[in-house]
Amino acid sequence: MSEEIDKHVLRKYHVCQKLGKGAYGIVWKAIERKTNQVVALKKIFDAFQNSTDAQRTFREVMFLQELNDHENIINSLCINSSNLSNTCTLLNCYTGISNPAICF
């Protein structure tokens, strides 16, 4: 469960600050280098380590995609996975609320 950010993510985003950490992952505020859009990056630890974790990760991604236009759910912009670190990074709109964990 490393808090280190994957290099392919750092090439695209400038990470500004850590917003929170939970049992399944960590959330950072970041800026996309090309567009200067402020985003929230969520790294899910051990997203595919076993079938239970993979199913939980898949379920979260599917819910975010299905509810993308709901007024109370933040928009999911992009999903990246890393075979090397067994993690999944979700890219979402940054809302600036004080507890971003409730958005994911």
PDB file of N, CA and C in Angstrom:
ATOM      1  N   MET A   1       0.823  -1.179   0.000  1.00  0.00           N
ATOM      2  CA  MET A   1       0.000   0.000   0.000  1.00  0.00           C
ATOM      3  C   MET A   1       0.876   1.256   0.000  1.00  0.00           C
ATOM      4  N   SER A   2       1.532   1.466  -1.081  1.00  0.00           N
ATOM      5  CA  SER A   2       2.451   2.592  -1.202  1.00  0.00           C
ATOM      6  C   SER A   2       1.710   3.870  -1.559  1.00  0.00           C
ATOM      7  N   GLU A   3       2.114   4.954  -0.919  1.00  0.00           N
ATOM      8  CA  GLU A   3       1.541   6.261  -1.250  1.00  0.00           C
ATOM      9  C   GLU A   3       2.248   6.882  -2.439  1.00  0.00           C
ATOM     10  N   GLU A   4       3.238   6.207  -2.974  1.00  0.00           N
ATOM     11  CA  GLU A   4       3.983   6.712  -4.123  1.00  0.00           C
ATOM     12  C   GLU A   4       3.068   6.783  -5.346  1.00  0.00           C
ATOM     13  N   ILE A   5       3.214   7.850  -6.106  1.00  0.00           N
ATOM     14  CA  ILE A   5       2.394   8.044  -7.297  1.00  0.00           C
ATOM     15  C   ILE A   5       3.134   7.469  -8.499  1.00  0.00           C
ATOM     16  N   ASP A   6       2.435   6.694  -9.327  1.00  0.00           N
ATOM     17  CA  ASP A   6       3.044   6.073 -10.502  1.00  0.00           C
ATOM     18  C   ASP A   6       3.608   7.136 -11.446  1.00  0.00           C
ATOM     19  N   LYS A   7       4.738   6.821 -12.070  1.00  0.00           N
ATOM     20  CA  LYS A   7       5.424   7.773 -12.943  1.00  0.00           C
ATOM     21  C   LYS A   7       4.575   8.190 -14.134  1.00  0.00           C
ATOM     22  N   HIS A   8       3.791   7.255 -14.690  1.00  0.00           N
ATOM     23  CA  HIS A   8       2.953   7.621 -15.839  1.00  0.00           C
ATOM     24  C   HIS A   8       1.880   8.631 -15.445  1.00  0.00           C
ATOM     25  N   VAL A   9       1.472   8.641 -14.192  1.00  0.00           N
ATOM     26  CA  VAL A   9       0.505   9.624 -13.699  1.00  0.00           C
ATOM     27  C   VAL A   9       1.201  10.974 -13.509  1.00  0.00           C
ATOM     28  N   LEU A  10       2.418  10.954 -12.957  1.00  0.00           N
ATOM     29  CA  LEU A  10       3.162  12.197 -12.721  1.00  0.00           C
ATOM     30  C   LEU A  10       3.541  12.907 -14.017  1.00  0.00           C
ATOM     31  N   ARG A  11       3.667  12.160 -15.111  1.00  0.00           N
ATOM     32  CA  ARG A  11       3.962  12.803 -16.394  1.00  0.00           C
ATOM     33  C   ARG A  11       2.786  13.652 -16.871  1.00  0.00           C
ATOM     34  N   LYS A  12       1.574  13.265 -16.509  1.00  0.00           N
ATOM     35  CA  LYS A  12       0.376  13.964 -16.973  1.00  0.00           C
ATOM     36  C   LYS A  12      -0.152  14.991 -15.974  1.00  0.00           C
ATOM     37  N   TYR A  13       0.163  14.808 -14.682  1.00  0.00           N
ATOM     38  CA  TYR A  13      -0.437  15.639 -13.646  1.00  0.00           C
ATOM     39  C   TYR A  13       0.612  16.156 -12.672  1.00  0.00           C
ATOM     40  N   HIS A  14       0.425  17.401 -12.249  1.00  0.00           N
ATOM     41  CA  HIS A  14       1.226  17.980 -11.176  1.00  0.00           C
ATOM     42  C   HIS A  14       0.423  17.788  -9.896  1.00  0.00           C
ATOM     43  N   VAL A  15       0.942  17.002  -8.962  1.00  0.00           N
ATOM     44  CA  VAL A  15       0.227  16.723  -7.724  1.00  0.00           C
ATOM     45  C   VAL A  15       0.462  17.863  -6.741  1.00  0.00           C
ATOM     46  N   CYS A  16      -0.628  18.464  -6.257  1.00  0.00           N
ATOM     47  CA  CYS A  16      -0.551  19.629  -5.373  1.00  0.00           C
ATOM     48  C   CYS A  16      -0.542  19.248  -3.901  1.00  0.00           C
ATOM     49  N   GLN A  17      -1.476  18.393  -3.514  1.00  0.00           N
ATOM     50  CA  GLN A  17      -1.555  18.036  -2.105  1.00  0.00           C
ATOM     51  C   GLN A  17      -2.345  16.749  -1.914  1.00  0.00           C
ATOM     52  N   LYS A  18      -2.057  16.100  -0.805  1.00  0.00           N
ATOM     53  CA  LYS A  18      -2.804  14.909  -0.403  1.00  0.00           C
ATOM     54  C   LYS A  18      -4.076  15.384   0.283  1.00  0.00           C
ATOM     55  N   LEU A  19      -5.214  14.847  -0.163  1.00  0.00           N
ATOM     56  CA  LEU A  19      -6.500  15.252   0.406  1.00  0.00           C
ATOM     57  C   LEU A  19      -7.002  14.286   1.465  1.00  0.00           C
ATOM     58  N   GLY A  20      -6.678  13.023   1.320  1.00  0.00           N
ATOM     59  CA  GLY A  20      -7.161  12.051   2.290  1.00  0.00           C
ATOM     60  C   GLY A  20      -6.683  10.651   1.985  1.00  0.00           C
ATOM     61  N   LYS A  21      -6.813   9.788   2.980  1.00  0.00           N
ATOM     62  CA  LYS A  21      -6.400   8.394   2.834  1.00  0.00           C
ATOM     63  C   LYS A  21      -7.380   7.520   3.598  1.00  0.00           C
ATOM     64  N   GLY A  22      -7.722   6.388   3.001  1.00  0.00           N
ATOM     65  CA  GLY A  22      -8.617   5.447   3.641  1.00  0.00           C
ATOM     66  C   GLY A  22      -8.076   4.039   3.531  1.00  0.00           C
ATOM     67  N   ALA A  23      -8.887   3.078   3.881  1.00  0.00           N
ATOM     68  CA  ALA A  23      -8.472   1.681   3.877  1.00  0.00           C
ATOM     69  C   ALA A  23      -8.157   1.171   2.477  1.00  0.00           C
ATOM     70  N   TYR A  24      -8.829   1.711   1.465  1.00  0.00           N
ATOM     71  CA  TYR A  24      -8.672   1.204   0.107  1.00  0.00           C
ATOM     72  C   TYR A  24      -7.851   2.098  -0.804  1.00  0.00           C
ATOM     73  N   GLY A  25      -7.548   3.310  -0.372  1.00  0.00           N
ATOM     74  CA  GLY A  25      -6.805   4.166  -1.277  1.00  0.00           C
ATOM     75  C   GLY A  25      -6.476   5.524  -0.698  1.00  0.00           C
ATOM     76  N   ILE A  26      -5.962   6.380  -1.575  1.00  0.00           N
ATOM     77  CA  ILE A  26      -5.527   7.714  -1.212  1.00  0.00           C
ATOM     78  C   ILE A  26      -5.965   8.685  -2.308  1.00  0.00           C
ATOM     79  N   VAL A  27      -6.303   9.920  -1.910  1.00  0.00           N
ATOM     80  CA  VAL A  27      -6.788  10.921  -2.862  1.00  0.00           C
ATOM     81  C   VAL A  27      -5.874  12.137  -2.826  1.00  0.00           C
ATOM     82  N   TRP A  28      -5.503  12.613  -4.018  1.00  0.00           N
ATOM     83  CA  TRP A  28      -4.681  13.816  -4.160  1.00  0.00           C
ATOM     84  C   TRP A  28      -5.402  14.850  -5.011  1.00  0.00           C
ATOM     85  N   LYS A  29      -5.134  16.112  -4.740  1.00  0.00           N
ATOM     86  CA  LYS A  29      -5.530  17.209  -5.621  1.00  0.00           C
ATOM     87  C   LYS A  29      -4.389  17.375  -6.607  1.00  0.00           C
ATOM     88  N   ALA A  30      -4.708  17.484  -7.893  1.00  0.00           N
ATOM     89  CA  ALA A  30      -3.674  17.587  -8.922  1.00  0.00           C
ATOM     90  C   ALA A  30      -4.140  18.520 -10.038  1.00  0.00           C
ATOM     91  N   ILE A  31      -3.181  18.915 -10.868  1.00  0.00           N
ATOM     92  CA  ILE A  31      -3.480  19.761 -12.025  1.00  0.00           C
ATOM     93  C   ILE A  31      -2.986  19.050 -13.280  1.00  0.00           C
ATOM     94  N   GLU A  32      -3.880  18.906 -14.253  1.00  0.00           N
ATOM     95  CA  GLU A  32      -3.486  18.305 -15.522  1.00  0.00           C
ATOM     96  C   GLU A  32      -2.530  19.258 -16.231  1.00  0.00           C
ATOM     97  N   ARG A  33      -1.381  18.747 -16.631  1.00  0.00           N
ATOM     98  CA  ARG A  33      -0.326  19.590 -17.193  1.00  0.00           C
ATOM     99  C   ARG A  33      -0.730  20.262 -18.512  1.00  0.00           C
ATOM    100  N   LYS A  34      -1.482  19.580 -19.366  1.00  0.00           N
ATOM    101  CA  LYS A  34      -1.844  20.143 -20.672  1.00  0.00           C
ATOM    102  C   LYS A  34      -2.929  21.204 -20.593  1.00  0.00           C
ATOM    103  N   THR A  35      -3.937  20.985 -19.746  1.00  0.00           N
ATOM    104  CA  THR A  35      -5.108  21.865 -19.735  1.00  0.00           C
ATOM    105  C   THR A  35      -5.206  22.757 -18.501  1.00  0.00           C
ATOM    106  N   ASN A  36      -4.377  22.504 -17.504  1.00  0.00           N
ATOM    107  CA  ASN A  36      -4.434  23.208 -16.208  1.00  0.00           C
ATOM    108  C   ASN A  36      -5.739  22.964 -15.462  1.00  0.00           C
ATOM    109  N   GLN A  37      -6.453  21.892 -15.795  1.00  0.00           N
ATOM    110  CA  GLN A  37      -7.686  21.540 -15.095  1.00  0.00           C
ATOM    111  C   GLN A  37      -7.337  20.934 -13.731  1.00  0.00           C
ATOM    112  N   VAL A  38      -8.008  21.412 -12.691  1.00  0.00           N
ATOM    113  CA  VAL A  38      -7.817  20.862 -11.349  1.00  0.00           C
ATOM    114  C   VAL A  38      -8.653  19.588 -11.247  1.00  0.00           C
ATOM    115  N   VAL A  39      -8.012  18.509 -10.796  1.00  0.00           N
ATOM    116  CA  VAL A  39      -8.671  17.209 -10.726  1.00  0.00           C
ATOM    117  C   VAL A  39      -8.377  16.554  -9.377  1.00  0.00           C
ATOM    118  N   ALA A  40      -9.113  15.507  -9.090  1.00  0.00           N
ATOM    119  CA  ALA A  40      -8.857  14.661  -7.933  1.00  0.00           C
ATOM    120  C   ALA A  40      -8.386  13.312  -8.451  1.00  0.00           C
ATOM    121  N   LEU A  41      -7.251  12.856  -7.955  1.00  0.00           N
ATOM    122  CA  LEU A  41      -6.718  11.543  -8.323  1.00  0.00           C
ATOM    123  C   LEU A  41      -6.921  10.596  -7.152  1.00  0.00           C
ATOM    124  N   LYS A  42      -7.502   9.455  -7.388  1.00  0.00           N
ATOM    125  CA  LYS A  42      -7.666   8.448  -6.345  1.00  0.00           C
ATOM    126  C   LYS A  42      -6.901   7.205  -6.747  1.00  0.00           C
ATOM    127  N   LYS A  43      -5.919   6.836  -5.939  1.00  0.00           N
ATOM    128  CA  LYS A  43      -5.160   5.612  -6.168  1.00  0.00           C
ATOM    129  C   LYS A  43      -5.758   4.530  -5.283  1.00  0.00           C
ATOM    130  N   ILE A  44      -6.239   3.463  -5.903  1.00  0.00           N
ATOM    131  CA  ILE A  44      -6.811   2.337  -5.174  1.00  0.00           C
ATOM    132  C   ILE A  44      -5.701   1.319  -4.949  1.00  0.00           C
ATOM    133  N   PHE A  45      -5.400   1.041  -3.685  1.00  0.00           N
ATOM    134  CA  PHE A  45      -4.345   0.084  -3.339  1.00  0.00           C
ATOM    135  C   PHE A  45      -4.763  -1.341  -3.699  1.00  0.00           C
ATOM    136  N   ASP A  46      -3.828  -2.111  -4.196  1.00  0.00           N
ATOM    137  CA  ASP A  46      -4.041  -3.543  -4.466  1.00  0.00           C
ATOM    138  C   ASP A  46      -5.379  -3.805  -5.154  1.00  0.00           C
ATOM    139  N   ALA A  47      -5.647  -3.010  -6.179  1.00  0.00           N
ATOM    140  CA  ALA A  47      -6.946  -3.057  -6.851  1.00  0.00           C
ATOM    141  C   ALA A  47      -7.258  -4.419  -7.465  1.00  0.00           C
ATOM    142  N   PHE A  48      -6.221  -5.155  -7.843  1.00  0.00           N
ATOM    143  CA  PHE A  48      -6.443  -6.431  -8.532  1.00  0.00           C
ATOM    144  C   PHE A  48      -5.681  -7.575  -7.874  1.00  0.00           C
ATOM    145  N   GLN A  49      -5.400  -7.454  -6.586  1.00  0.00           N
ATOM    146  CA  GLN A  49      -4.600  -8.468  -5.894  1.00  0.00           C
ATOM    147  C   GLN A  49      -5.308  -9.815  -5.825  1.00  0.00           C
ATOM    148  N   ASN A  50      -6.611  -9.788  -5.640  1.00  0.00           N
ATOM    149  CA  ASN A  50      -7.390 -11.030  -5.610  1.00  0.00           C
ATOM    150  C   ASN A  50      -8.775 -10.739  -6.194  1.00  0.00           C
ATOM    151  N   SER A  51      -9.591 -11.754  -6.301  1.00  0.00           N
ATOM    152  CA  SER A  51     -10.883 -11.581  -6.963  1.00  0.00           C
ATOM    153  C   SER A  51     -11.812 -10.646  -6.187  1.00  0.00           C
ATOM    154  N   THR A  52     -11.725 -10.647  -4.871  1.00  0.00           N
ATOM    155  CA  THR A  52     -12.572  -9.758  -4.070  1.00  0.00           C
ATOM    156  C   THR A  52     -12.200  -8.303  -4.305  1.00  0.00           C
ATOM    157  N   ASP A  53     -10.905  -7.993  -4.276  1.00  0.00           N
ATOM    158  CA  ASP A  53     -10.451  -6.622  -4.521  1.00  0.00           C
ATOM    159  C   ASP A  53     -10.755  -6.184  -5.948  1.00  0.00           C
ATOM    160  N   ALA A  54     -10.552  -7.068  -6.895  1.00  0.00           N
ATOM    161  CA  ALA A  54     -10.844  -6.742  -8.296  1.00  0.00           C
ATOM    162  C   ALA A  54     -12.334  -6.465  -8.485  1.00  0.00           C
ATOM    163  N   GLN A  55     -13.179  -7.254  -7.838  1.00  0.00           N
ATOM    164  CA  GLN A  55     -14.621  -7.054  -7.945  1.00  0.00           C
ATOM    165  C   GLN A  55     -15.029  -5.730  -7.312  1.00  0.00           C
ATOM    166  N   ARG A  56     -14.446  -5.385  -6.155  1.00  0.00           N
ATOM    167  CA  ARG A  56     -14.743  -4.119  -5.483  1.00  0.00           C
ATOM    168  C   ARG A  56     -14.334  -2.938  -6.352  1.00  0.00           C
ATOM    169  N   THR A  57     -13.149  -3.026  -6.969  1.00  0.00           N
ATOM    170  CA  THR A  57     -12.660  -1.959  -7.844  1.00  0.00           C
ATOM    171  C   THR A  57     -13.562  -1.825  -9.067  1.00  0.00           C
ATOM    172  N   PHE A  58     -13.892  -2.946  -9.677  1.00  0.00           N
ATOM    173  CA  PHE A  58     -14.768  -2.950 -10.849  1.00  0.00           C
ATOM    174  C   PHE A  58     -16.130  -2.336 -10.511  1.00  0.00           C
ATOM    175  N   ARG A  59     -16.670  -2.708  -9.364  1.00  0.00           N
ATOM    176  CA  ARG A  59     -17.973  -2.195  -8.937  1.00  0.00           C
ATOM    177  C   ARG A  59     -17.928  -0.675  -8.756  1.00  0.00           C
ATOM    178  N   GLU A  60     -16.870  -0.164  -8.131  1.00  0.00           N
ATOM    179  CA  GLU A  60     -16.756   1.281  -7.936  1.00  0.00           C
ATOM    180  C   GLU A  60     -16.677   2.013  -9.272  1.00  0.00           C
ATOM    181  N   VAL A  61     -15.895   1.488 -10.191  1.00  0.00           N
ATOM    182  CA  VAL A  61     -15.756   2.109 -11.512  1.00  0.00           C
ATOM    183  C   VAL A  61     -17.090   2.083 -12.252  1.00  0.00           C
ATOM    184  N   MET A  62     -17.783   0.968 -12.212  1.00  0.00           N
ATOM    185  CA  MET A  62     -19.069   0.853 -12.901  1.00  0.00           C
ATOM    186  C   MET A  62     -20.106   1.810 -12.314  1.00  0.00           C
ATOM    187  N   PHE A  63     -20.146   1.934 -10.980  1.00  0.00           N
ATOM    188  CA  PHE A  63     -21.085   2.872 -10.358  1.00  0.00           C
ATOM    189  C   PHE A  63     -20.773   4.303 -10.763  1.00  0.00           C
ATOM    190  N   LEU A  64     -19.491   4.672 -10.766  1.00  0.00           N
ATOM    191  CA  LEU A  64     -19.108   6.031 -11.154  1.00  0.00           C
ATOM    192  C   LEU A  64     -19.494   6.326 -12.601  1.00  0.00           C
ATOM    193  N   GLN A  65     -19.296   5.354 -13.480  1.00  0.00           N
ATOM    194  CA  GLN A  65     -19.649   5.559 -14.881  1.00  0.00           C
ATOM    195  C   GLN A  65     -21.167   5.631 -15.068  1.00  0.00           C
ATOM    196  N   GLU A  66     -21.888   4.790 -14.370  1.00  0.00           N
ATOM    197  CA  GLU A  66     -23.349   4.760 -14.496  1.00  0.00           C
ATOM    198  C   GLU A  66     -23.994   6.031 -13.946  1.00  0.00           C
ATOM    199  N   LEU A  67     -23.433   6.574 -12.866  1.00  0.00           N
ATOM    200  CA  LEU A  67     -24.012   7.737 -12.203  1.00  0.00           C
ATOM    201  C   LEU A  67     -23.308   9.035 -12.583  1.00  0.00           C
ATOM    202  N   ASN A  68     -22.596   9.036 -13.671  1.00  0.00           N
ATOM    203  CA  ASN A  68     -21.759  10.171 -14.072  1.00  0.00           C
ATOM    204  C   ASN A  68     -22.535  11.476 -14.238  1.00  0.00           C
ATOM    205  N   ASP A  69     -23.799  11.404 -14.611  1.00  0.00           N
ATOM    206  CA  ASP A  69     -24.587  12.618 -14.834  1.00  0.00           C
ATOM    207  C   ASP A  69     -25.478  12.988 -13.644  1.00  0.00           C
ATOM    208  N   HIS A  70     -25.357  12.256 -12.548  1.00  0.00           N
ATOM    209  CA  HIS A  70     -26.183  12.541 -11.373  1.00  0.00           C
ATOM    210  C   HIS A  70     -25.689  13.807 -10.683  1.00  0.00           C
ATOM    211  N   GLU A  71     -26.611  14.643 -10.224  1.00  0.00           N
ATOM    212  CA  GLU A  71     -26.240  15.933  -9.638  1.00  0.00           C
ATOM    213  C   GLU A  71     -25.453  15.804  -8.335  1.00  0.00           C
ATOM    214  N   ASN A  72     -25.547  14.681  -7.629  1.00  0.00           N
ATOM    215  CA  ASN A  72     -24.855  14.505  -6.358  1.00  0.00           C
ATOM    216  C   ASN A  72     -23.604  13.635  -6.456  1.00  0.00           C
ATOM    217  N   ILE A  73     -23.225  13.258  -7.657  1.00  0.00           N
ATOM    218  CA  ILE A  73     -22.046  12.418  -7.866  1.00  0.00           C
ATOM    219  C   ILE A  73     -21.073  13.182  -8.754  1.00  0.00           C
ATOM    220  N   ILE A  74     -19.804  13.202  -8.370  1.00  0.00           N
ATOM    221  CA  ILE A  74     -18.811  13.904  -9.183  1.00  0.00           C
ATOM    222  C   ILE A  74     -18.562  13.138 -10.471  1.00  0.00           C
ATOM    223  N   ASN A  75     -18.131  13.842 -11.488  1.00  0.00           N
ATOM    224  CA  ASN A  75     -17.873  13.221 -12.780  1.00  0.00           C
ATOM    225  C   ASN A  75     -16.557  12.470 -12.785  1.00  0.00           C
ATOM    226  N   SER A  76     -16.609  11.271 -13.323  1.00  0.00           N
ATOM    227  CA  SER A  76     -15.412  10.462 -13.500  1.00  0.00           C
ATOM    228  C   SER A  76     -14.838  10.787 -14.872  1.00  0.00           C
ATOM    229  N   LEU A  77     -13.573  11.191 -14.921  1.00  0.00           N
ATOM    230  CA  LEU A  77     -12.977  11.634 -16.177  1.00  0.00           C
ATOM    231  C   LEU A  77     -12.151  10.562 -16.868  1.00  0.00           C
ATOM    232  N   CYS A  78     -11.440   9.760 -16.105  1.00  0.00           N
ATOM    233  CA  CYS A  78     -10.497   8.818 -16.700  1.00  0.00           C
ATOM    234  C   CYS A  78     -10.148   7.742 -15.679  1.00  0.00           C
ATOM    235  N   ILE A  79      -9.786   6.566 -16.173  1.00  0.00           N
ATOM    236  CA  ILE A  79      -9.380   5.467 -15.307  1.00  0.00           C
ATOM    237  C   ILE A  79      -8.095   4.873 -15.867  1.00  0.00           C
ATOM    238  N   ASN A  80      -7.072   4.771 -15.017  1.00  0.00           N
ATOM    239  CA  ASN A  80      -5.793   4.179 -15.413  1.00  0.00           C
ATOM    240  C   ASN A  80      -5.467   3.035 -14.472  1.00  0.00           C
ATOM    241  N   SER A  81      -4.926   1.968 -15.015  1.00  0.00           N
ATOM    242  CA  SER A  81      -4.462   0.881 -14.157  1.00  0.00           C
ATOM    243  C   SER A  81      -2.994   0.622 -14.441  1.00  0.00           C
ATOM    244  N   SER A  82      -2.316   0.088 -13.436  1.00  0.00           N
ATOM    245  CA  SER A  82      -0.898  -0.215 -13.555  1.00  0.00           C
ATOM    246  C   SER A  82      -0.664  -1.678 -13.249  1.00  0.00           C
ATOM    247  N   ASN A  83      -0.171  -2.414 -14.225  1.00  0.00           N
ATOM    248  CA  ASN A  83       0.149  -3.820 -14.002  1.00  0.00           C
ATOM    249  C   ASN A  83       1.337  -3.989 -13.072  1.00  0.00           C
ATOM    250  N   LEU A  84       2.246  -3.028 -13.085  1.00  0.00           N
ATOM    251  CA  LEU A  84       3.453  -3.125 -12.271  1.00  0.00           C
ATOM    252  C   LEU A  84       3.170  -2.956 -10.776  1.00  0.00           C
ATOM    253  N   SER A  85       2.331  -2.004 -10.431  1.00  0.00           N
ATOM    254  CA  SER A  85       2.083  -1.733  -9.015  1.00  0.00           C
ATOM    255  C   SER A  85       0.756  -2.297  -8.516  1.00  0.00           C
ATOM    256  N   ASN A  86       0.001  -2.967  -9.377  1.00  0.00           N
ATOM    257  CA  ASN A  86      -1.263  -3.590  -9.001  1.00  0.00           C
ATOM    258  C   ASN A  86      -2.248  -2.561  -8.439  1.00  0.00           C
ATOM    259  N   THR A  87      -2.229  -1.357  -9.028  1.00  0.00           N
ATOM    260  CA  THR A  87      -3.106  -0.290  -8.556  1.00  0.00           C
ATOM    261  C   THR A  87      -3.991   0.207  -9.687  1.00  0.00           C
ATOM    262  N   CYS A  88      -4.989   0.957  -9.301  1.00  0.00           N
ATOM    263  CA  CYS A  88      -5.888   1.610 -10.251  1.00  0.00           C
ATOM    264  C   CYS A  88      -5.988   3.065  -9.832  1.00  0.00           C
ATOM    265  N   THR A  89      -5.871   3.984 -10.780  1.00  0.00           N
ATOM    266  CA  THR A  89      -5.989   5.410 -10.480  1.00  0.00           C
ATOM    267  C   THR A  89      -7.225   5.961 -11.170  1.00  0.00           C
ATOM    268  N   LEU A  90      -8.117   6.549 -10.379  1.00  0.00           N
ATOM    269  CA  LEU A  90      -9.325   7.169 -10.904  1.00  0.00           C
ATOM    270  C   LEU A  90      -9.111   8.672 -10.961  1.00  0.00           C
ATOM    271  N   LEU A  91      -9.488   9.273 -12.052  1.00  0.00           N
ATOM    272  CA  LEU A  91      -9.372  10.711 -12.234  1.00  0.00           C
ATOM    273  C   LEU A  91     -10.774  11.290 -12.227  1.00  0.00           C
ATOM    274  N   ASN A  92     -11.038  12.192 -11.281  1.00  0.00           N
ATOM    275  CA  ASN A  92     -12.363  12.764 -11.142  1.00  0.00           C
ATOM    276  C   ASN A  92     -12.277  14.277 -11.091  1.00  0.00           C
ATOM    277  N   CYS A  93     -13.409  14.924 -11.320  1.00  0.00           N
ATOM    278  CA  CYS A  93     -13.472  16.374 -11.160  1.00  0.00           C
ATOM    279  C   CYS A  93     -13.173  16.713  -9.712  1.00  0.00           C
ATOM    280  N   TYR A  94     -12.454  17.792  -9.503  1.00  0.00           N
ATOM    281  CA  TYR A  94     -12.159  18.255  -8.152  1.00  0.00           C
ATOM    282  C   TYR A  94     -13.247  19.227  -7.734  1.00  0.00           C
ATOM    283  N   THR A  95     -13.875  18.962  -6.589  1.00  0.00           N
ATOM    284  CA  THR A  95     -14.987  19.796  -6.148  1.00  0.00           C
ATOM    285  C   THR A  95     -14.583  20.820  -5.101  1.00  0.00           C
ATOM    286  N   GLY A  96     -13.460  20.598  -4.436  1.00  0.00           N
ATOM    287  CA  GLY A  96     -13.003  21.520  -3.407  1.00  0.00           C
ATOM    288  C   GLY A  96     -13.709  21.347  -2.074  1.00  0.00           C
ATOM    289  N   ILE A  97     -14.504  20.282  -1.919  1.00  0.00           N
ATOM    290  CA  ILE A  97     -15.167  20.069  -0.645  1.00  0.00           C
ATOM    291  C   ILE A  97     -14.166  19.576   0.382  1.00  0.00           C
ATOM    292  N   SER A  98     -14.508  19.701   1.641  1.00  0.00           N
ATOM    293  CA  SER A  98     -13.543  19.389   2.698  1.00  0.00           C
ATOM    294  C   SER A  98     -13.322  17.903   2.906  1.00  0.00           C
ATOM    295  N   ASN A  99     -14.268  17.052   2.527  1.00  0.00           N
ATOM    296  CA  ASN A  99     -14.100  15.614   2.688  1.00  0.00           C
ATOM    297  C   ASN A  99     -14.311  14.924   1.354  1.00  0.00           C
ATOM    298  N   PRO A 100     -13.264  14.842   0.512  1.00  0.00           N
ATOM    299  CA  PRO A 100     -13.444  14.281  -0.824  1.00  0.00           C
ATOM    300  C   PRO A 100     -13.758  12.798  -0.818  1.00  0.00           C
ATOM    301  N   ALA A 101     -13.532  12.111   0.299  1.00  0.00           N
ATOM    302  CA  ALA A 101     -13.779  10.669   0.341  1.00  0.00           C
ATOM    303  C   ALA A 101     -15.240  10.343   0.091  1.00  0.00           C
ATOM    304  N   ILE A 102     -16.149  11.258   0.415  1.00  0.00           N
ATOM    305  CA  ILE A 102     -17.566  10.959   0.224  1.00  0.00           C
ATOM    306  C   ILE A 102     -17.955  11.000  -1.253  1.00  0.00           C
ATOM    307  N   CYS A 103     -17.095  11.537  -2.080  1.00  0.00           N
ATOM    308  CA  CYS A 103     -17.400  11.635  -3.509  1.00  0.00           C
ATOM    309  C   CYS A 103     -17.014  10.386  -4.269  1.00  0.00           C
ATOM    310  N   PHE A 104     -16.179   9.556  -3.718  1.00  0.00           N
ATOM    311  CA  PHE A 104     -15.643   8.418  -4.463  1.00  0.00           C
ATOM    312  C   PHE A 104     -16.312   7.145  -4.078  1.00  0.00           C
TER     313      PHE A 104
END
